[in-house]
Amino acid sequence: TPGSRVIAATIIDEFDRTGRRTDYDYSGISMKAAKLIERELTIRVFRPWRDMIRMSHGKDRLSTIREQIEQGMPDRTEKNLIDWVDKRTKLELGAMRFCLKEIRELGSNTPMRKLLGDYLKTLPGGAWLISPEFESALQDISTKYRNGGVHEHLVSYDVCSEAVERVLLGPEPLLKRLVESSGESRG
């Protein structure tokens, strides 16, 4: 998306201008790489799915699904997904990773996972989006490239370089793969 192009250009520019330094915290750059993937996953996969579900199911059917989910001990993934569809909460990268992982591991055996799983099947790279490979990349992005800088840890040049290569500049950048997997261009 246009906004993501700005973020990507900023990441590359900051990384190039900063270069390799000792005693420098690269967390700002690596966190932007994490933000870029979270943003595009939201815009390209989760938001179009939400919009489709809201349009096709309407408020009444979604209320019925919510009631089913909230009976007894609600499943965390189901709760996250219905809250996202109802625009009650933001779906963050960790939750997106967990939802995609559960669809792969548990299948579509609950209402919201079924709706998301069915949607993913319509995407050109839906199988890759629930693959262990993509899950591993999202895990690294969440913990290694983002959370290290958010918490007390410094992000080294090597970790930041890995993030920039893996997300943007490497031979198979995650961003390119995500765009191809989600199908049509979204603005």
N, C-alpha and C. Protein backbone atom coordinates (compact mmCIF):
# COMPACT_ATOMS: atom_id res chain seq x y z
N THR A 1 0.85 -1.17 0.00
CA THR A 1 0.00 0.00 0.00
C THR A 1 0.90 1.24 0.00
N PRO A 2 0.38 2.37 -0.39
CA PRO A 2 1.21 3.59 -0.43
C PRO A 2 1.87 3.92 0.92
N GLY A 3 1.12 3.82 2.00
CA GLY A 3 1.71 4.09 3.32
C GLY A 3 2.82 3.13 3.66
N SER A 4 2.66 1.89 3.27
CA SER A 4 3.70 0.89 3.54
C SER A 4 4.95 1.15 2.71
N ARG A 5 4.77 1.69 1.52
CA ARG A 5 5.93 2.06 0.71
C ARG A 5 6.77 3.12 1.42
N VAL A 6 6.09 4.06 2.06
CA VAL A 6 6.79 5.10 2.82
C VAL A 6 7.56 4.48 3.98
N ILE A 7 6.92 3.56 4.70
CA ILE A 7 7.59 2.89 5.82
C ILE A 7 8.80 2.11 5.31
N ALA A 8 8.63 1.37 4.22
CA ALA A 8 9.73 0.58 3.66
C ALA A 8 10.90 1.48 3.25
N ALA A 9 10.60 2.59 2.59
CA ALA A 9 11.66 3.51 2.18
C ALA A 9 12.36 4.10 3.39
N THR A 10 11.61 4.39 4.43
CA THR A 10 12.20 4.93 5.66
C THR A 10 13.12 3.92 6.31
N ILE A 11 12.69 2.67 6.35
CA ILE A 11 13.52 1.60 6.93
C ILE A 11 14.85 1.52 6.20
N ILE A 12 14.79 1.44 4.89
CA ILE A 12 16.01 1.30 4.08
C ILE A 12 16.90 2.53 4.24
N ASP A 13 16.31 3.71 4.20
CA ASP A 13 17.08 4.94 4.34
C ASP A 13 17.76 5.02 5.71
N GLU A 14 17.01 4.76 6.76
CA GLU A 14 17.58 4.82 8.12
C GLU A 14 18.69 3.78 8.30
N PHE A 15 18.45 2.59 7.78
CA PHE A 15 19.45 1.52 7.92
C PHE A 15 20.73 1.89 7.17
N ASP A 16 20.58 2.38 5.96
CA ASP A 16 21.74 2.78 5.16
C ASP A 16 22.49 3.96 5.80
N ARG A 17 21.75 4.97 6.24
CA ARG A 17 22.39 6.14 6.85
C ARG A 17 23.08 5.79 8.17
N THR A 18 22.50 4.91 8.93
CA THR A 18 23.07 4.57 10.24
C THR A 18 24.32 3.71 10.07
N GLY A 19 24.28 2.77 9.14
CA GLY A 19 25.42 1.89 8.94
C GLY A 19 25.70 1.05 10.18
N ARG A 20 26.86 0.41 10.19
CA ARG A 20 27.24 -0.43 11.33
C ARG A 20 27.95 0.45 12.36
N ARG A 21 27.37 0.50 13.55
CA ARG A 21 27.94 1.28 14.65
C ARG A 21 28.01 0.42 15.91
N THR A 22 28.98 0.70 16.71
CA THR A 22 29.01 0.05 18.02
C THR A 22 28.22 0.93 18.99
N ASP A 23 27.71 0.34 20.01
CA ASP A 23 26.94 1.06 21.03
C ASP A 23 25.80 1.87 20.42
N TYR A 24 25.08 1.26 19.50
CA TYR A 24 23.93 1.90 18.89
C TYR A 24 22.74 0.94 18.98
N ASP A 25 21.58 1.47 19.30
CA ASP A 25 20.37 0.66 19.40
C ASP A 25 19.58 0.78 18.10
N TYR A 26 19.46 -0.32 17.39
CA TYR A 26 18.78 -0.36 16.10
C TYR A 26 17.29 -0.70 16.23
N SER A 27 16.75 -0.61 17.44
CA SER A 27 15.36 -1.04 17.65
C SER A 27 14.36 -0.23 16.83
N GLY A 28 14.60 1.05 16.64
CA GLY A 28 13.65 1.85 15.85
C GLY A 28 13.48 1.33 14.44
N ILE A 29 14.58 0.91 13.85
CA ILE A 29 14.55 0.40 12.48
C ILE A 29 13.90 -0.99 12.45
N SER A 30 14.32 -1.87 13.35
CA SER A 30 13.77 -3.23 13.33
C SER A 30 12.29 -3.23 13.70
N MET A 31 11.87 -2.32 14.60
CA MET A 31 10.45 -2.25 14.94
C MET A 31 9.63 -1.76 13.76
N LYS A 32 10.18 -0.90 12.93
CA LYS A 32 9.47 -0.47 11.72
C LYS A 32 9.27 -1.65 10.76
N ALA A 33 10.26 -2.53 10.68
CA ALA A 33 10.12 -3.71 9.83
C ALA A 33 8.98 -4.60 10.34
N ALA A 34 8.88 -4.74 11.66
CA ALA A 34 7.79 -5.51 12.26
C ALA A 34 6.45 -4.83 11.99
N LYS A 35 6.41 -3.52 12.15
CA LYS A 35 5.20 -2.74 11.91
C LYS A 35 4.74 -2.90 10.46
N LEU A 36 5.68 -2.94 9.55
CA LEU A 36 5.36 -3.07 8.13
C LEU A 36 4.62 -4.38 7.85
N ILE A 37 5.12 -5.47 8.40
CA ILE A 37 4.46 -6.76 8.18
C ILE A 37 3.09 -6.79 8.86
N GLU A 38 3.02 -6.29 10.09
CA GLU A 38 1.73 -6.26 10.80
C GLU A 38 0.71 -5.43 10.01
N ARG A 39 1.14 -4.30 9.52
CA ARG A 39 0.27 -3.40 8.77
C ARG A 39 -0.25 -4.06 7.49
N GLU A 40 0.65 -4.66 6.73
CA GLU A 40 0.23 -5.27 5.47
C GLU A 40 -0.61 -6.53 5.69
N LEU A 41 -0.32 -7.29 6.72
CA LEU A 41 -1.14 -8.47 7.04
C LEU A 41 -2.55 -8.02 7.42
N THR A 42 -2.64 -6.94 8.15
CA THR A 42 -3.96 -6.39 8.50
C THR A 42 -4.69 -5.91 7.26
N ILE A 43 -4.02 -5.09 6.46
CA ILE A 43 -4.66 -4.47 5.29
C ILE A 43 -4.99 -5.49 4.20
N ARG A 44 -4.12 -6.45 4.01
CA ARG A 44 -4.27 -7.38 2.88
C ARG A 44 -5.06 -8.64 3.20
N VAL A 45 -5.07 -9.06 4.46
CA VAL A 45 -5.72 -10.32 4.80
C VAL A 45 -6.86 -10.11 5.80
N PHE A 46 -6.54 -9.61 6.98
CA PHE A 46 -7.53 -9.58 8.04
C PHE A 46 -8.64 -8.53 7.82
N ARG A 47 -8.31 -7.37 7.35
CA ARG A 47 -9.35 -6.36 7.12
C ARG A 47 -10.30 -6.75 5.99
N PRO A 48 -9.80 -7.22 4.83
CA PRO A 48 -10.74 -7.65 3.78
C PRO A 48 -11.63 -8.81 4.25
N TRP A 49 -11.05 -9.72 5.05
CA TRP A 49 -11.86 -10.81 5.59
C TRP A 49 -12.97 -10.24 6.48
N ARG A 50 -12.60 -9.33 7.39
CA ARG A 50 -13.58 -8.73 8.29
C ARG A 50 -14.69 -8.03 7.49
N ASP A 51 -14.29 -7.24 6.49
CA ASP A 51 -15.28 -6.52 5.70
C ASP A 51 -16.23 -7.48 4.99
N MET A 52 -15.69 -8.56 4.46
CA MET A 52 -16.50 -9.56 3.77
C MET A 52 -17.49 -10.21 4.75
N ILE A 53 -17.01 -10.58 5.93
CA ILE A 53 -17.86 -11.24 6.93
C ILE A 53 -18.95 -10.29 7.41
N ARG A 54 -18.60 -9.06 7.67
CA ARG A 54 -19.60 -8.08 8.13
C ARG A 54 -20.69 -7.88 7.07
N MET A 55 -20.27 -7.86 5.81
CA MET A 55 -21.24 -7.65 4.74
C MET A 55 -22.11 -8.90 4.53
N SER A 56 -21.49 -10.06 4.52
CA SER A 56 -22.24 -11.28 4.20
C SER A 56 -23.09 -11.79 5.37
N HIS A 57 -22.68 -11.51 6.60
CA HIS A 57 -23.39 -12.07 7.75
C HIS A 57 -24.35 -11.08 8.42
N GLY A 58 -24.06 -9.83 8.37
CA GLY A 58 -24.92 -8.84 9.02
C GLY A 58 -24.84 -8.92 10.54
N LYS A 59 -25.42 -7.93 11.17
CA LYS A 59 -25.33 -7.82 12.63
C LYS A 59 -26.02 -8.96 13.36
N ASP A 60 -27.18 -9.39 12.86
CA ASP A 60 -27.93 -10.43 13.56
C ASP A 60 -27.18 -11.76 13.59
N ARG A 61 -26.67 -12.17 12.44
CA ARG A 61 -25.92 -13.45 12.40
C ARG A 61 -24.63 -13.35 13.21
N LEU A 62 -23.97 -12.19 13.18
CA LEU A 62 -22.76 -12.03 13.98
C LEU A 62 -23.08 -12.03 15.47
N SER A 63 -24.22 -11.48 15.86
CA SER A 63 -24.64 -11.53 17.27
C SER A 63 -24.90 -12.96 17.71
N THR A 64 -25.49 -13.75 16.83
CA THR A 64 -25.73 -15.16 17.14
C THR A 64 -24.41 -15.91 17.30
N ILE A 65 -23.46 -15.64 16.43
CA ILE A 65 -22.14 -16.28 16.54
C ILE A 65 -21.48 -15.85 17.84
N ARG A 66 -21.55 -14.57 18.19
CA ARG A 66 -20.97 -14.09 19.44
C ARG A 66 -21.59 -14.81 20.64
N GLU A 67 -22.90 -14.97 20.65
CA GLU A 67 -23.57 -15.67 21.75
C GLU A 67 -23.07 -17.10 21.87
N GLN A 68 -22.91 -17.79 20.74
CA GLN A 68 -22.39 -19.17 20.74
C GLN A 68 -20.98 -19.20 21.33
N ILE A 69 -20.16 -18.25 20.93
CA ILE A 69 -18.77 -18.21 21.37
C ILE A 69 -18.69 -17.94 22.87
N GLU A 70 -19.53 -17.05 23.36
CA GLU A 70 -19.45 -16.63 24.76
C GLU A 70 -20.10 -17.60 25.73
N GLN A 71 -20.81 -18.61 25.23
CA GLN A 71 -21.40 -19.61 26.11
C GLN A 71 -20.30 -20.46 26.70
N GLY A 72 -20.35 -20.69 27.98
CA GLY A 72 -19.34 -21.52 28.63
C GLY A 72 -18.00 -20.82 28.67
N MET A 73 -16.97 -21.58 28.40
CA MET A 73 -15.60 -21.06 28.44
C MET A 73 -15.20 -20.66 27.02
N PRO A 74 -15.20 -19.35 26.72
CA PRO A 74 -14.92 -18.94 25.33
C PRO A 74 -13.48 -19.27 24.90
N ASP A 75 -13.37 -19.72 23.68
CA ASP A 75 -12.08 -19.99 23.05
C ASP A 75 -11.42 -18.64 22.76
N ARG A 76 -10.16 -18.50 23.14
CA ARG A 76 -9.46 -17.22 22.99
C ARG A 76 -9.39 -16.74 21.54
N THR A 77 -9.10 -17.64 20.63
CA THR A 77 -9.01 -17.26 19.22
C THR A 77 -10.37 -16.82 18.69
N GLU A 78 -11.40 -17.57 19.05
CA GLU A 78 -12.75 -17.20 18.62
C GLU A 78 -13.12 -15.82 19.15
N LYS A 79 -12.81 -15.59 20.41
CA LYS A 79 -13.11 -14.29 21.04
C LYS A 79 -12.35 -13.16 20.34
N ASN A 80 -11.05 -13.38 20.07
CA ASN A 80 -10.25 -12.37 19.36
C ASN A 80 -10.83 -12.06 17.98
N LEU A 81 -11.22 -13.11 17.27
CA LEU A 81 -11.72 -12.92 15.91
C LEU A 81 -13.09 -12.22 15.90
N ILE A 82 -14.00 -12.63 16.78
CA ILE A 82 -15.32 -11.98 16.78
C ILE A 82 -15.20 -10.54 17.25
N ASP A 83 -14.30 -10.27 18.21
CA ASP A 83 -14.09 -8.89 18.65
C ASP A 83 -13.52 -8.05 17.52
N TRP A 84 -12.62 -8.62 16.72
CA TRP A 84 -12.04 -7.91 15.57
C TRP A 84 -13.13 -7.64 14.53
N VAL A 85 -13.94 -8.65 14.23
CA VAL A 85 -15.01 -8.48 13.24
C VAL A 85 -16.01 -7.42 13.70
N ASP A 86 -16.31 -7.40 15.00
CA ASP A 86 -17.24 -6.41 15.55
C ASP A 86 -16.58 -5.05 15.80
N LYS A 87 -15.31 -4.93 15.46
CA LYS A 87 -14.53 -3.69 15.63
C LYS A 87 -14.47 -3.25 17.09
N ARG A 88 -14.39 -4.23 17.98
CA ARG A 88 -14.27 -3.93 19.40
C ARG A 88 -12.81 -3.83 19.84
N THR A 89 -11.94 -4.53 19.12
CA THR A 89 -10.52 -4.52 19.47
C THR A 89 -9.68 -4.49 18.20
N LYS A 90 -8.41 -4.19 18.42
CA LYS A 90 -7.42 -4.26 17.35
C LYS A 90 -6.84 -5.67 17.37
N LEU A 91 -6.57 -6.22 16.22
CA LEU A 91 -5.94 -7.53 16.14
C LEU A 91 -4.46 -7.30 15.87
N GLU A 92 -3.64 -7.60 16.85
CA GLU A 92 -2.20 -7.34 16.74
C GLU A 92 -1.48 -8.54 16.14
N LEU A 93 -0.22 -8.34 15.81
CA LEU A 93 0.57 -9.34 15.11
C LEU A 93 0.60 -10.69 15.82
N GLY A 94 0.81 -10.68 17.14
CA GLY A 94 0.84 -11.93 17.89
C GLY A 94 -0.47 -12.69 17.79
N ALA A 95 -1.58 -11.98 17.89
CA ALA A 95 -2.89 -12.63 17.79
C ALA A 95 -3.14 -13.14 16.37
N MET A 96 -2.70 -12.37 15.36
CA MET A 96 -2.85 -12.83 13.98
C MET A 96 -2.06 -14.12 13.77
N ARG A 97 -0.83 -14.16 14.28
CA ARG A 97 0.00 -15.35 14.15
C ARG A 97 -0.69 -16.55 14.81
N PHE A 98 -1.22 -16.33 16.00
CA PHE A 98 -1.87 -17.41 16.73
C PHE A 98 -3.11 -17.90 15.98
N CYS A 99 -3.90 -16.99 15.43
CA CYS A 99 -5.09 -17.38 14.66
C CYS A 99 -4.72 -18.23 13.45
N LEU A 100 -3.71 -17.79 12.71
CA LEU A 100 -3.27 -18.53 11.53
C LEU A 100 -2.73 -19.90 11.92
N LYS A 101 -1.99 -19.96 13.02
CA LYS A 101 -1.44 -21.23 13.50
C LYS A 101 -2.56 -22.20 13.89
N GLU A 102 -3.56 -21.68 14.59
CA GLU A 102 -4.66 -22.55 15.02
C GLU A 102 -5.45 -23.09 13.84
N ILE A 103 -5.61 -22.30 12.80
CA ILE A 103 -6.31 -22.81 11.61
C ILE A 103 -5.54 -23.98 11.03
N ARG A 104 -4.22 -23.87 11.00
CA ARG A 104 -3.40 -24.97 10.48
C ARG A 104 -3.47 -26.18 11.41
N GLU A 105 -3.32 -25.97 12.70
CA GLU A 105 -3.22 -27.09 13.64
C GLU A 105 -4.57 -27.68 14.04
N LEU A 106 -5.58 -26.83 14.21
CA LEU A 106 -6.87 -27.30 14.71
C LEU A 106 -7.93 -27.37 13.63
N GLY A 107 -7.64 -26.77 12.50
CA GLY A 107 -8.61 -26.74 11.42
C GLY A 107 -9.69 -25.71 11.66
N SER A 108 -10.75 -25.85 10.95
CA SER A 108 -11.83 -24.87 10.99
C SER A 108 -13.02 -25.45 11.75
N ASN A 109 -12.77 -25.85 13.00
CA ASN A 109 -13.80 -26.54 13.76
C ASN A 109 -14.63 -25.63 14.67
N THR A 110 -14.45 -24.33 14.55
CA THR A 110 -15.24 -23.37 15.31
C THR A 110 -15.74 -22.30 14.32
N PRO A 111 -16.80 -21.58 14.68
CA PRO A 111 -17.40 -20.65 13.70
C PRO A 111 -16.43 -19.63 13.09
N MET A 112 -15.69 -18.93 13.90
CA MET A 112 -14.83 -17.87 13.37
C MET A 112 -13.60 -18.44 12.65
N ARG A 113 -13.01 -19.50 13.18
CA ARG A 113 -11.88 -20.13 12.47
C ARG A 113 -12.35 -20.67 11.12
N LYS A 114 -13.57 -21.20 11.08
CA LYS A 114 -14.09 -21.69 9.81
C LYS A 114 -14.23 -20.55 8.80
N LEU A 115 -14.79 -19.43 9.25
CA LEU A 115 -14.95 -18.29 8.35
C LEU A 115 -13.60 -17.78 7.85
N LEU A 116 -12.62 -17.69 8.76
CA LEU A 116 -11.29 -17.23 8.35
C LEU A 116 -10.61 -18.27 7.47
N GLY A 117 -10.69 -19.53 7.85
CA GLY A 117 -10.08 -20.61 7.06
C GLY A 117 -10.65 -20.67 5.65
N ASP A 118 -11.96 -20.53 5.53
CA ASP A 118 -12.60 -20.53 4.21
C ASP A 118 -12.12 -19.34 3.38
N TYR A 119 -11.97 -18.19 4.02
CA TYR A 119 -11.49 -17.01 3.31
C TYR A 119 -10.05 -17.21 2.83
N LEU A 120 -9.21 -17.75 3.69
CA LEU A 120 -7.80 -17.97 3.32
C LEU A 120 -7.68 -18.89 2.11
N LYS A 121 -8.60 -19.85 1.99
CA LYS A 121 -8.57 -20.77 0.85
C LYS A 121 -8.81 -20.05 -0.47
N THR A 122 -9.42 -18.87 -0.41
CA THR A 122 -9.69 -18.11 -1.65
C THR A 122 -8.48 -17.29 -2.09
N LEU A 123 -7.50 -17.14 -1.23
CA LEU A 123 -6.32 -16.33 -1.55
C LEU A 123 -5.29 -17.17 -2.29
N PRO A 124 -4.53 -16.57 -3.21
CA PRO A 124 -3.53 -17.33 -3.97
C PRO A 124 -2.49 -18.02 -3.08
N GLY A 125 -2.14 -17.41 -1.98
CA GLY A 125 -1.15 -18.00 -1.08
C GLY A 125 -1.71 -18.30 0.29
N GLY A 126 -2.98 -18.63 0.35
CA GLY A 126 -3.61 -18.93 1.63
C GLY A 126 -2.93 -20.06 2.39
N ALA A 127 -2.47 -21.08 1.66
CA ALA A 127 -1.77 -22.19 2.32
C ALA A 127 -0.45 -21.72 2.93
N TRP A 128 0.24 -20.81 2.26
CA TRP A 128 1.49 -20.28 2.82
C TRP A 128 1.23 -19.44 4.06
N LEU A 129 0.11 -18.69 4.07
CA LEU A 129 -0.21 -17.84 5.22
C LEU A 129 -0.44 -18.64 6.49
N ILE A 130 -0.82 -19.92 6.37
CA ILE A 130 -1.00 -20.75 7.56
C ILE A 130 0.14 -21.77 7.72
N SER A 131 1.17 -21.62 6.92
CA SER A 131 2.28 -22.57 6.96
C SER A 131 3.19 -22.37 8.18
N PRO A 132 3.90 -23.43 8.59
CA PRO A 132 4.88 -23.28 9.67
C PRO A 132 5.97 -22.26 9.32
N GLU A 133 6.31 -22.16 8.04
CA GLU A 133 7.32 -21.20 7.59
C GLU A 133 6.91 -19.76 7.90
N PHE A 134 5.67 -19.41 7.55
CA PHE A 134 5.19 -18.05 7.81
C PHE A 134 5.01 -17.83 9.31
N GLU A 135 4.53 -18.84 10.01
CA GLU A 135 4.38 -18.72 11.46
C GLU A 135 5.73 -18.45 12.12
N SER A 136 6.76 -19.15 11.69
CA SER A 136 8.10 -18.95 12.24
C SER A 136 8.59 -17.52 11.97
N ALA A 137 8.33 -17.03 10.77
CA ALA A 137 8.73 -15.66 10.43
C ALA A 137 7.99 -14.66 11.32
N LEU A 138 6.69 -14.87 11.51
CA LEU A 138 5.92 -13.97 12.37
C LEU A 138 6.39 -14.04 13.82
N GLN A 139 6.79 -15.22 14.25
CA GLN A 139 7.32 -15.38 15.62
C GLN A 139 8.60 -14.56 15.78
N ASP A 140 9.51 -14.66 14.82
CA ASP A 140 10.74 -13.88 14.87
C ASP A 140 10.45 -12.38 14.83
N ILE A 141 9.53 -11.99 13.98
CA ILE A 141 9.18 -10.57 13.87
C ILE A 141 8.64 -10.06 15.20
N SER A 142 7.75 -10.85 15.80
CA SER A 142 7.14 -10.44 17.07
C SER A 142 8.14 -10.37 18.22
N THR A 143 9.03 -11.33 18.29
CA THR A 143 9.90 -11.43 19.45
C THR A 143 11.28 -10.83 19.22
N LYS A 144 11.90 -11.21 18.14
CA LYS A 144 13.28 -10.83 17.89
C LYS A 144 13.42 -9.41 17.34
N TYR A 145 12.56 -9.04 16.40
CA TYR A 145 12.72 -7.76 15.72
C TYR A 145 11.93 -6.63 16.39
N ARG A 146 10.85 -6.98 17.05
CA ARG A 146 10.03 -5.93 17.68
C ARG A 146 10.18 -5.91 19.19
N ASN A 147 9.86 -7.00 19.86
CA ASN A 147 9.80 -6.97 21.32
C ASN A 147 11.13 -6.71 21.98
N GLY A 148 12.21 -7.12 21.36
CA GLY A 148 13.52 -6.81 21.93
C GLY A 148 13.71 -5.32 22.12
N GLY A 149 13.28 -4.55 21.15
CA GLY A 149 13.41 -3.10 21.23
C GLY A 149 12.37 -2.46 22.12
N VAL A 150 11.21 -3.09 22.22
CA VAL A 150 10.15 -2.54 23.05
C VAL A 150 10.51 -2.67 24.52
N HIS A 151 11.16 -3.74 24.85
CA HIS A 151 11.51 -4.00 26.25
C HIS A 151 12.92 -3.49 26.54
N GLU A 152 13.58 -4.09 27.47
CA GLU A 152 14.85 -3.54 27.95
C GLU A 152 16.06 -3.85 27.06
N HIS A 153 15.89 -4.68 26.06
CA HIS A 153 17.02 -5.11 25.24
C HIS A 153 17.36 -4.11 24.14
N LEU A 154 18.64 -4.01 23.86
CA LEU A 154 19.08 -3.27 22.68
C LEU A 154 18.98 -4.20 21.48
N VAL A 155 18.72 -3.63 20.32
CA VAL A 155 18.71 -4.41 19.08
C VAL A 155 20.02 -4.13 18.39
N SER A 156 20.76 -5.19 18.12
CA SER A 156 22.08 -5.07 17.51
C SER A 156 21.97 -4.83 16.00
N TYR A 157 23.09 -4.44 15.42
CA TYR A 157 23.17 -4.26 13.98
C TYR A 157 22.82 -5.58 13.28
N ASP A 158 23.36 -6.68 13.77
CA ASP A 158 23.14 -7.97 13.12
C ASP A 158 21.66 -8.37 13.12
N VAL A 159 20.98 -8.16 14.24
CA VAL A 159 19.55 -8.48 14.30
C VAL A 159 18.76 -7.56 13.39
N CYS A 160 19.09 -6.28 13.39
CA CYS A 160 18.41 -5.32 12.53
C CYS A 160 18.66 -5.65 11.05
N SER A 161 19.88 -5.98 10.73
CA SER A 161 20.22 -6.35 9.36
C SER A 161 19.41 -7.57 8.91
N GLU A 162 19.29 -8.53 9.80
CA GLU A 162 18.49 -9.73 9.51
C GLU A 162 17.03 -9.34 9.26
N ALA A 163 16.50 -8.44 10.08
CA ALA A 163 15.11 -8.00 9.92
C ALA A 163 14.90 -7.31 8.58
N VAL A 164 15.80 -6.40 8.23
CA VAL A 164 15.67 -5.66 6.98
C VAL A 164 15.80 -6.62 5.78
N GLU A 165 16.74 -7.53 5.85
CA GLU A 165 16.90 -8.51 4.76
C GLU A 165 15.69 -9.42 4.66
N ARG A 166 15.25 -9.93 5.79
CA ARG A 166 14.16 -10.90 5.78
C ARG A 166 12.84 -10.26 5.33
N VAL A 167 12.60 -9.04 5.76
CA VAL A 167 11.33 -8.39 5.45
C VAL A 167 11.34 -7.71 4.08
N LEU A 168 12.47 -7.07 3.73
CA LEU A 168 12.46 -6.21 2.54
C LEU A 168 13.44 -6.55 1.43
N LEU A 169 14.68 -6.83 1.77
CA LEU A 169 15.73 -6.82 0.76
C LEU A 169 16.29 -8.18 0.35
N GLY A 170 15.96 -9.20 1.08
CA GLY A 170 16.52 -10.52 0.80
C GLY A 170 16.02 -11.11 -0.51
N PRO A 171 16.51 -12.29 -0.85
CA PRO A 171 16.11 -12.92 -2.11
C PRO A 171 14.63 -13.30 -2.15
N GLU A 172 14.04 -13.63 -1.02
CA GLU A 172 12.61 -13.94 -0.91
C GLU A 172 12.01 -13.11 0.22
N PRO A 173 11.90 -11.78 0.07
CA PRO A 173 11.43 -10.96 1.17
C PRO A 173 9.99 -11.29 1.58
N LEU A 174 9.77 -11.28 2.89
CA LEU A 174 8.45 -11.60 3.42
C LEU A 174 7.38 -10.66 2.88
N LEU A 175 7.72 -9.40 2.76
CA LEU A 175 6.72 -8.45 2.28
C LEU A 175 6.24 -8.81 0.88
N LYS A 176 7.15 -9.14 0.01
CA LYS A 176 6.78 -9.53 -1.36
C LYS A 176 5.93 -10.79 -1.34
N ARG A 177 6.32 -11.74 -0.54
CA ARG A 177 5.59 -13.00 -0.43
C ARG A 177 4.18 -12.77 0.11
N LEU A 178 4.06 -11.87 1.09
CA LEU A 178 2.75 -11.54 1.66
C LEU A 178 1.86 -10.88 0.61
N VAL A 179 2.42 -9.96 -0.15
CA VAL A 179 1.65 -9.29 -1.21
C VAL A 179 1.17 -10.32 -2.23
N GLU A 180 2.05 -11.19 -2.66
CA GLU A 180 1.68 -12.21 -3.65
C GLU A 180 0.64 -13.18 -3.08
N SER A 181 0.76 -13.51 -1.82
CA SER A 181 -0.15 -14.48 -1.20
C SER A 181 -1.54 -13.93 -0.99
N SER A 182 -1.65 -12.63 -0.84
CA SER A 182 -2.95 -12.03 -0.54
C SER A 182 -3.73 -11.65 -1.79
N GLY A 183 -3.10 -11.76 -2.93
CA GLY A 183 -3.82 -11.51 -4.18
C GLY A 183 -3.79 -10.06 -4.60
N GLU A 184 -4.96 -9.55 -4.93
CA GLU A 184 -5.06 -8.22 -5.52
C GLU A 184 -4.43 -7.13 -4.65
N SER A 185 -3.99 -6.08 -5.32
CA SER A 185 -3.39 -4.94 -4.64
C SER A 185 -4.47 -4.19 -3.88
N ARG A 186 -4.13 -3.78 -2.65
CA ARG A 186 -5.08 -3.03 -1.83
C ARG A 186 -4.48 -1.68 -1.49
N GLY A 187 -5.25 -0.65 -1.54
CA GLY A 187 -4.78 0.70 -1.26
C GLY A 187 -5.26 1.17 0.02
